[in-house]
Amino acid sequence: MGLSLVEIQTAEDEQLFGLLAAALIEFFPPDVQSNPDQFLIALTSAPRGLRAMAGMYDLDVSMSLDDLAWHFGNHNDERFLQETVLSLRELEALEAADIFTAAWEIAKPFLPKIRSTDWNGEDFHEFLKKAGIQSQVDPLNERMWALCKECGSRGLIGYWLSYARKYPERCLKPS
């Protein structure tokens, strides 16, 4: 099916969000999303805007359900962390990109241990506290949650709408 320039330009916010979400599912079906290597390949072939939207989605989920420290527990592949930063910058969410980058720098020395350990929730929470990650990331969480609140009920994915309206051609498959 595909997304069209006219649809992006004429859709109301709710409809545009639905259109973008459908385009993302088309480019990144569940079987692709569940395979990190396939997902990375799909990211590189997606239109620039959709790539950015897909690349920052997990961070939005983390900020809705947990926080930045826990994000690194759930998403600690350096390739995807870099993709998150690039995605936020593409979406012109520059402050969010800076906050995320600062949190990543705090977590970076601990990522090998995070990746190599089979954590349960309580143990991971203790690790974050004992390593000092949580206390260092907490002020960044507050800043990121404030940004999420500024974006409205959609949180960070609220950037999708303003981006698509400003750069609709970046959300379309090349003809």
C-alpha atoms as a PDB file:
ATOM      1  CA  MET A   1       0.000   0.000   0.000  1.00  0.00           C
ATOM      2  CA  GLY A   2       2.434   2.709   1.158  1.00  0.00           C
ATOM      3  CA  LEU A   3       2.120   6.180   2.505  1.00  0.00           C
ATOM      4  CA  SER A   4       1.544   9.150   0.193  1.00  0.00           C
ATOM      5  CA  LEU A   5       2.573  12.782   0.306  1.00  0.00           C
ATOM      6  CA  VAL A   6      -1.067  13.881   0.080  1.00  0.00           C
ATOM      7  CA  GLU A   7      -2.032  11.645   3.022  1.00  0.00           C
ATOM      8  CA  ILE A   8       0.711  13.122   5.190  1.00  0.00           C
ATOM      9  CA  GLN A   9      -0.186  16.685   4.213  1.00  0.00           C
ATOM     10  CA  THR A  10      -3.944  16.345   4.727  1.00  0.00           C
ATOM     11  CA  ALA A  11      -4.297  13.913   7.644  1.00  0.00           C
ATOM     12  CA  GLU A  12      -5.354  15.077  11.070  1.00  0.00           C
ATOM     13  CA  ASP A  13      -2.960  14.157  13.891  1.00  0.00           C
ATOM     14  CA  GLU A  14      -4.708  10.909  14.906  1.00  0.00           C
ATOM     15  CA  GLN A  15      -5.007   9.765  11.329  1.00  0.00           C
ATOM     16  CA  LEU A  16      -1.385  10.702  10.538  1.00  0.00           C
ATOM     17  CA  PHE A  17      -0.162   8.798  13.549  1.00  0.00           C
ATOM     18  CA  GLY A  18      -2.094   5.741  12.352  1.00  0.00           C
ATOM     19  CA  LEU A  19      -0.678   6.095   8.847  1.00  0.00           C
ATOM     20  CA  LEU A  20       2.879   6.352  10.159  1.00  0.00           C
ATOM     21  CA  ALA A  21       2.368   3.363  12.448  1.00  0.00           C
ATOM     22  CA  ALA A  22       1.009   1.325   9.516  1.00  0.00           C
ATOM     23  CA  ALA A  23       3.968   2.342   7.331  1.00  0.00           C
ATOM     24  CA  LEU A  24       6.352   1.281  10.097  1.00  0.00           C
ATOM     25  CA  ILE A  25       4.678  -2.141  10.372  1.00  0.00           C
ATOM     26  CA  GLU A  26       4.946  -2.485   6.595  1.00  0.00           C
ATOM     27  CA  PHE A  27       8.693  -1.783   6.671  1.00  0.00           C
ATOM     28  CA  PHE A  28       9.341  -3.590   9.945  1.00  0.00           C
ATOM     29  CA  PRO A  29       6.934  -6.537  10.338  1.00  0.00           C
ATOM     30  CA  PRO A  30       7.046  -8.411  13.663  1.00  0.00           C
ATOM     31  CA  ASP A  31       9.344 -11.160  12.347  1.00  0.00           C
ATOM     32  CA  VAL A  32      11.880  -8.503  11.268  1.00  0.00           C
ATOM     33  CA  GLN A  33      11.556  -6.621  14.555  1.00  0.00           C
ATOM     34  CA  SER A  34      12.294  -9.778  16.524  1.00  0.00           C
ATOM     35  CA  ASN A  35      15.550 -10.481  14.660  1.00  0.00           C
ATOM     36  CA  PRO A  36      18.206  -7.836  15.460  1.00  0.00           C
ATOM     37  CA  ASP A  37      20.291  -8.467  12.332  1.00  0.00           C
ATOM     38  CA  GLN A  38      17.266  -8.392  10.015  1.00  0.00           C
ATOM     39  CA  PHE A  39      15.984  -5.296  11.779  1.00  0.00           C
ATOM     40  CA  LEU A  40      19.297  -3.486  11.199  1.00  0.00           C
ATOM     41  CA  ILE A  41      19.201  -4.389   7.522  1.00  0.00           C
ATOM     42  CA  ALA A  42      15.605  -3.165   7.290  1.00  0.00           C
ATOM     43  CA  LEU A  43      16.568   0.088   9.009  1.00  0.00           C
ATOM     44  CA  THR A  44      19.213   0.811   6.396  1.00  0.00           C
ATOM     45  CA  SER A  45      16.738   0.299   3.548  1.00  0.00           C
ATOM     46  CA  ALA A  46      13.854   2.282   5.048  1.00  0.00           C
ATOM     47  CA  PRO A  47      13.108   5.894   4.184  1.00  0.00           C
ATOM     48  CA  ARG A  48      15.083   8.244   6.420  1.00  0.00           C
ATOM     49  CA  GLY A  49      12.100   9.382   8.488  1.00  0.00           C
ATOM     50  CA  LEU A  50      10.662   5.923   9.059  1.00  0.00           C
ATOM     51  CA  ARG A  51      14.131   4.672   9.993  1.00  0.00           C
ATOM     52  CA  ALA A  52      14.358   7.379  12.644  1.00  0.00           C
ATOM     53  CA  MET A  53      10.891   6.611  13.976  1.00  0.00           C
ATOM     54  CA  ALA A  54      11.666   2.902  14.257  1.00  0.00           C
ATOM     55  CA  GLY A  55      15.097   3.597  15.710  1.00  0.00           C
ATOM     56  CA  MET A  56      13.808   5.528  18.690  1.00  0.00           C
ATOM     57  CA  TYR A  57      10.629   3.590  19.414  1.00  0.00           C
ATOM     58  CA  ASP A  58      12.145   1.325  22.093  1.00  0.00           C
ATOM     59  CA  LEU A  59      13.410   4.359  24.006  1.00  0.00           C
ATOM     60  CA  ASP A  60       9.892   5.767  24.085  1.00  0.00           C
ATOM     61  CA  VAL A  61       8.609   2.464  25.460  1.00  0.00           C
ATOM     62  CA  SER A  62      11.384   2.425  28.078  1.00  0.00           C
ATOM     63  CA  MET A  63      10.548   5.947  29.207  1.00  0.00           C
ATOM     64  CA  SER A  64       6.861   5.043  29.455  1.00  0.00           C
ATOM     65  CA  LEU A  65       7.394   1.849  31.429  1.00  0.00           C
ATOM     66  CA  ASP A  66      10.767   2.206  33.165  1.00  0.00           C
ATOM     67  CA  ASP A  67      13.605   4.692  32.844  1.00  0.00           C
ATOM     68  CA  LEU A  68      16.924   5.261  31.108  1.00  0.00           C
ATOM     69  CA  ALA A  69      18.895   2.891  33.358  1.00  0.00           C
ATOM     70  CA  TRP A  70      16.493   0.033  32.693  1.00  0.00           C
ATOM     71  CA  HIS A  71      16.561   0.832  28.980  1.00  0.00           C
ATOM     72  CA  PHE A  72      20.191  -0.310  28.928  1.00  0.00           C
ATOM     73  CA  GLY A  73      19.208  -3.527  30.648  1.00  0.00           C
ATOM     74  CA  ASN A  74      16.651  -4.273  27.963  1.00  0.00           C
ATOM     75  CA  HIS A  75      18.443  -2.697  24.990  1.00  0.00           C
ATOM     76  CA  ASN A  76      22.209  -2.893  25.242  1.00  0.00           C
ATOM     77  CA  ASP A  77      23.370  -3.667  21.706  1.00  0.00           C
ATOM     78  CA  GLU A  78      25.737  -0.824  20.765  1.00  0.00           C
ATOM     79  CA  ARG A  79      24.424  -0.830  17.188  1.00  0.00           C
ATOM     80  CA  PHE A  80      20.919  -0.020  18.383  1.00  0.00           C
ATOM     81  CA  LEU A  81      22.079   2.499  20.971  1.00  0.00           C
ATOM     82  CA  GLN A  82      23.878   4.388  18.206  1.00  0.00           C
ATOM     83  CA  GLU A  83      20.775   4.095  16.035  1.00  0.00           C
ATOM     84  CA  THR A  84      18.711   5.614  18.855  1.00  0.00           C
ATOM     85  CA  VAL A  85      20.979   8.668  19.033  1.00  0.00           C
ATOM     86  CA  LEU A  86      20.973   9.105  15.252  1.00  0.00           C
ATOM     87  CA  SER A  87      17.193   8.667  15.180  1.00  0.00           C
ATOM     88  CA  LEU A  88      16.556  11.289  17.834  1.00  0.00           C
ATOM     89  CA  ARG A  89      18.819  13.729  16.000  1.00  0.00           C
ATOM     90  CA  GLU A  90      17.087  13.041  12.679  1.00  0.00           C
ATOM     91  CA  LEU A  91      13.731  13.718  14.338  1.00  0.00           C
ATOM     92  CA  GLU A  92      15.172  16.991  15.674  1.00  0.00           C
ATOM     93  CA  ALA A  93      14.720  15.765  19.242  1.00  0.00           C
ATOM     94  CA  LEU A  94      18.120  17.222  20.058  1.00  0.00           C
ATOM     95  CA  GLU A  95      17.689  17.609  23.794  1.00  0.00           C
ATOM     96  CA  ALA A  96      16.420  14.023  24.048  1.00  0.00           C
ATOM     97  CA  ALA A  97      19.458  12.874  22.023  1.00  0.00           C
ATOM     98  CA  ASP A  98      21.795  14.732  24.387  1.00  0.00           C
ATOM     99  CA  ILE A  99      20.115  13.272  27.477  1.00  0.00           C
ATOM    100  CA  PHE A 100      20.198   9.764  26.023  1.00  0.00           C
ATOM    101  CA  THR A 101      23.863  10.151  25.060  1.00  0.00           C
ATOM    102  CA  ALA A 102      24.742  11.290  28.592  1.00  0.00           C
ATOM    103  CA  ALA A 103      22.936   8.278  30.071  1.00  0.00           C
ATOM    104  CA  TRP A 104      24.674   5.959  27.607  1.00  0.00           C
ATOM    105  CA  GLU A 105      28.061   7.325  28.674  1.00  0.00           C
ATOM    106  CA  ILE A 106      27.203   6.478  32.288  1.00  0.00           C
ATOM    107  CA  ALA A 107      26.078   2.954  31.391  1.00  0.00           C
ATOM    108  CA  LYS A 108      28.758   2.235  28.767  1.00  0.00           C
ATOM    109  CA  PRO A 109      31.443   0.818  31.113  1.00  0.00           C
ATOM    110  CA  PHE A 110      28.857  -1.601  32.532  1.00  0.00           C
ATOM    111  CA  LEU A 111      27.341  -2.819  29.253  1.00  0.00           C
ATOM    112  CA  PRO A 112      29.564  -5.926  28.951  1.00  0.00           C
ATOM    113  CA  LYS A 113      28.424  -7.081  32.408  1.00  0.00           C
ATOM    114  CA  ILE A 114      24.814  -6.166  31.661  1.00  0.00           C
ATOM    115  CA  ARG A 115      24.930  -8.197  28.426  1.00  0.00           C
ATOM    116  CA  SER A 116      26.658 -11.218  29.976  1.00  0.00           C
ATOM    117  CA  THR A 117      24.418 -11.649  33.013  1.00  0.00           C
ATOM    118  CA  ASP A 118      21.014 -13.308  33.116  1.00  0.00           C
ATOM    119  CA  TRP A 119      19.239 -10.775  35.327  1.00  0.00           C
ATOM    120  CA  ASN A 120      16.028 -11.006  37.221  1.00  0.00           C
ATOM    121  CA  GLY A 121      14.348  -7.679  37.969  1.00  0.00           C
ATOM    122  CA  GLU A 122      15.370  -7.419  41.605  1.00  0.00           C
ATOM    123  CA  ASP A 123      19.017  -8.311  40.928  1.00  0.00           C
ATOM    124  CA  PHE A 124      19.234  -5.822  38.075  1.00  0.00           C
ATOM    125  CA  HIS A 125      17.749  -3.084  40.226  1.00  0.00           C
ATOM    126  CA  GLU A 126      20.356  -3.837  42.935  1.00  0.00           C
ATOM    127  CA  PHE A 127      23.130  -3.828  40.346  1.00  0.00           C
ATOM    128  CA  LEU A 128      22.024  -0.418  39.053  1.00  0.00           C
ATOM    129  CA  LYS A 129      22.073   0.951  42.592  1.00  0.00           C
ATOM    130  CA  LYS A 130      25.398  -0.603  43.679  1.00  0.00           C
ATOM    131  CA  ALA A 131      27.183   0.383  40.455  1.00  0.00           C
ATOM    132  CA  GLY A 132      25.979   3.969  40.889  1.00  0.00           C
ATOM    133  CA  ILE A 133      24.243   3.938  37.539  1.00  0.00           C
ATOM    134  CA  GLN A 134      20.773   4.652  38.908  1.00  0.00           C
ATOM    135  CA  SER A 135      21.814   7.642  41.026  1.00  0.00           C
ATOM    136  CA  GLN A 136      23.728   9.177  38.118  1.00  0.00           C
ATOM    137  CA  VAL A 137      20.927   8.575  35.632  1.00  0.00           C
ATOM    138  CA  ASP A 138      18.068   9.775  37.862  1.00  0.00           C
ATOM    139  CA  PRO A 139      18.558  13.496  37.044  1.00  0.00           C
ATOM    140  CA  LEU A 140      18.624  12.595  33.350  1.00  0.00           C
ATOM    141  CA  ASN A 141      15.393  10.620  33.814  1.00  0.00           C
ATOM    142  CA  GLU A 142      13.735  13.705  35.247  1.00  0.00           C
ATOM    143  CA  ARG A 143      14.806  15.775  32.238  1.00  0.00           C
ATOM    144  CA  MET A 144      13.700  13.091  29.770  1.00  0.00           C
ATOM    145  CA  TRP A 145      10.330  12.614  31.484  1.00  0.00           C
ATOM    146  CA  ALA A 146       9.803  16.385  31.340  1.00  0.00           C
ATOM    147  CA  LEU A 147      10.462  16.243  27.590  1.00  0.00           C
ATOM    148  CA  CYS A 148       8.057  13.323  27.250  1.00  0.00           C
ATOM    149  CA  LYS A 149       5.417  15.350  29.050  1.00  0.00           C
ATOM    150  CA  GLU A 150       6.018  18.338  26.751  1.00  0.00           C
ATOM    151  CA  CYS A 151       5.372  16.006  23.790  1.00  0.00           C
ATOM    152  CA  GLY A 152       1.892  15.242  25.118  1.00  0.00           C
ATOM    153  CA  SER A 153       0.159  11.927  25.575  1.00  0.00           C
ATOM    154  CA  ARG A 154       2.334  10.172  22.973  1.00  0.00           C
ATOM    155  CA  GLY A 155       5.603  10.889  24.762  1.00  0.00           C
ATOM    156  CA  LEU A 156       8.698  10.911  22.587  1.00  0.00           C
ATOM    157  CA  ILE A 157       6.876   9.494  19.583  1.00  0.00           C
ATOM    158  CA  GLY A 158       5.098  12.832  19.490  1.00  0.00           C
ATOM    159  CA  TYR A 159       8.145  13.933  17.488  1.00  0.00           C
ATOM    160  CA  TRP A 160       6.942  11.699  14.656  1.00  0.00           C
ATOM    161  CA  LEU A 161       4.055  14.004  13.734  1.00  0.00           C
ATOM    162  CA  SER A 162       6.002  17.258  13.632  1.00  0.00           C
ATOM    163  CA  TYR A 163       8.776  15.552  11.661  1.00  0.00           C
ATOM    164  CA  ALA A 164       6.398  14.016   9.122  1.00  0.00           C
ATOM    165  CA  ARG A 165       4.676  17.358   8.602  1.00  0.00           C
ATOM    166  CA  LYS A 166       7.996  19.197   8.188  1.00  0.00           C
ATOM    167  CA  TYR A 167       9.683  16.531   6.014  1.00  0.00           C
ATOM    168  CA  PRO A 168       6.917  14.411   4.461  1.00  0.00           C
ATOM    169  CA  GLU A 169       9.155  13.295   1.587  1.00  0.00           C
ATOM    170  CA  ARG A 170      11.523  11.642   4.088  1.00  0.00           C
ATOM    171  CA  CYS A 171       8.727   9.297   5.185  1.00  0.00           C
ATOM    172  CA  LEU A 172       7.987   7.912   1.725  1.00  0.00           C
ATOM    173  CA  LYS A 173       9.405   5.014  -0.263  1.00  0.00           C
ATOM    174  CA  PRO A 174      11.464   6.319  -3.156  1.00  0.00           C
ATOM    175  CA  SER A 175       9.494   6.025  -6.392  1.00  0.00           C
END
